[in-house]
Amino acid sequence: MKKDKRSYRVKGLELSNLTFKNNTEKKFVLSLVSHVSFKIKVLRVERGLSQEALAEMANVSISTIKFIEQNQRSPSLPMLFKLIYILDPNARVWD
């Protein structure tokens, strides 16, 4: 089976160095990345936090939060867990 080794750009987000076995797998990954970006923004707004406040709490730049929320940058796994904790310390990620 031939693997697709191209770099993908979705709404400005580059997913380089990823290989996908098929289009279904690619769509699944891209959909979840997009959903995570949206969910971070929704939780931030629900908590009444500005992007600046969230950035300060996470000890990152405001542009990092903006890029994540605009689906232009994907957070690292540790950063994602940190943001989840800040936004919802009782979140159950793997239930």
Protein backbone atom coordinates (compact mmCIF):
# COMPACT_ATOMS: atom_id res chain seq x y z
CA MET A 1 0.00 0.00 0.00
CA LYS A 2 1.44 3.35 -1.01
CA LYS A 3 1.64 5.96 1.73
CA ASP A 4 0.98 9.61 1.02
CA LYS A 5 4.03 11.55 2.28
CA ARG A 6 3.03 15.06 1.33
CA SER A 7 2.82 17.99 3.69
CA TYR A 8 -0.77 18.99 4.41
CA ARG A 9 -2.13 22.46 4.93
CA VAL A 10 -5.64 22.90 6.27
CA LYS A 11 -6.86 26.44 6.92
CA GLY A 12 -3.24 27.50 7.39
CA LEU A 13 -2.25 24.55 9.61
CA GLU A 14 0.64 22.57 8.23
CA LEU A 15 0.87 18.92 9.13
CA SER A 16 4.28 18.11 7.76
CA ASN A 17 6.09 14.83 8.25
CA LEU A 18 2.84 12.92 8.62
CA THR A 19 2.04 9.97 6.47
CA PHE A 20 -1.44 8.66 5.90
CA LYS A 21 -2.45 5.24 4.64
CA ASN A 22 -5.53 6.62 2.94
CA ASN A 23 -7.84 9.61 2.60
CA THR A 24 -10.11 8.42 5.41
CA GLU A 25 -7.23 8.43 7.87
CA LYS A 26 -6.11 11.88 6.70
CA LYS A 27 -9.62 13.32 7.03
CA PHE A 28 -9.98 11.82 10.51
CA VAL A 29 -6.75 13.40 11.77
CA LEU A 30 -7.45 16.79 10.18
CA SER A 31 -10.96 16.80 11.57
CA LEU A 32 -9.76 16.14 15.12
CA VAL A 33 -7.06 18.82 14.89
CA SER A 34 -9.69 21.31 13.76
CA HIS A 35 -12.07 20.21 16.53
CA VAL A 36 -9.40 20.66 19.21
CA SER A 37 -8.70 24.21 18.04
CA PHE A 38 -12.41 25.03 18.14
CA LYS A 39 -12.92 23.40 21.55
CA ILE A 40 -10.06 25.36 23.12
CA LYS A 41 -11.67 28.61 21.99
CA VAL A 42 -15.15 27.52 23.17
CA LEU A 43 -13.85 26.56 26.62
CA ARG A 44 -11.87 29.80 26.93
CA VAL A 45 -14.93 31.90 26.06
CA GLU A 46 -17.18 29.85 28.40
CA ARG A 47 -14.71 30.52 31.24
CA GLY A 48 -14.74 34.25 30.46
CA LEU A 49 -11.03 34.32 29.69
CA SER A 50 -9.42 36.55 27.10
CA GLN A 51 -6.74 35.14 24.82
CA GLU A 52 -4.27 37.28 26.75
CA ALA A 53 -5.37 35.80 30.10
CA LEU A 54 -5.13 32.23 28.81
CA ALA A 55 -1.71 32.93 27.32
CA GLU A 56 -0.50 34.29 30.64
CA MET A 57 -1.89 31.32 32.56
CA ALA A 58 -0.24 28.89 30.12
CA ASN A 59 2.99 30.92 30.05
CA VAL A 60 2.94 31.26 26.25
CA SER A 61 2.62 34.18 23.90
CA ILE A 62 -0.74 35.60 22.92
CA SER A 63 0.06 34.78 19.30
CA THR A 64 0.43 31.10 20.24
CA ILE A 65 -3.11 31.04 21.62
CA LYS A 66 -4.42 32.98 18.61
CA PHE A 67 -2.74 30.61 16.15
CA ILE A 68 -4.06 27.53 17.99
CA GLU A 69 -7.60 28.91 18.06
CA GLN A 70 -7.43 29.90 14.39
CA ASN A 71 -6.26 26.39 13.51
CA GLN A 72 -2.96 27.74 12.21
CA ARG A 73 -0.81 25.99 14.78
CA SER A 74 -1.29 22.69 16.52
CA PRO A 75 -0.30 22.58 20.20
CA SER A 76 2.24 20.02 21.30
CA LEU A 77 0.77 17.21 23.34
CA PRO A 78 2.13 18.61 26.65
CA MET A 79 0.80 22.08 25.73
CA LEU A 80 -2.59 20.60 24.87
CA PHE A 81 -2.79 18.85 28.24
CA LYS A 82 -1.75 22.05 30.00
CA LEU A 83 -4.47 24.04 28.20
CA ILE A 84 -7.04 21.36 29.04
CA TYR A 85 -6.05 21.52 32.70
CA ILE A 86 -6.25 25.33 32.75
CA LEU A 87 -9.62 25.36 31.03
CA ASP A 88 -11.14 22.37 32.84
CA PRO A 89 -9.07 20.83 35.68
CA ASN A 90 -11.69 18.08 36.09
CA ALA A 91 -11.66 17.07 32.41
CA ARG A 92 -11.60 13.36 31.79
CA VAL A 93 -9.61 13.08 28.59
CA TRP A 94 -9.76 9.32 28.03
CA ASP A 95 -13.26 8.40 29.18
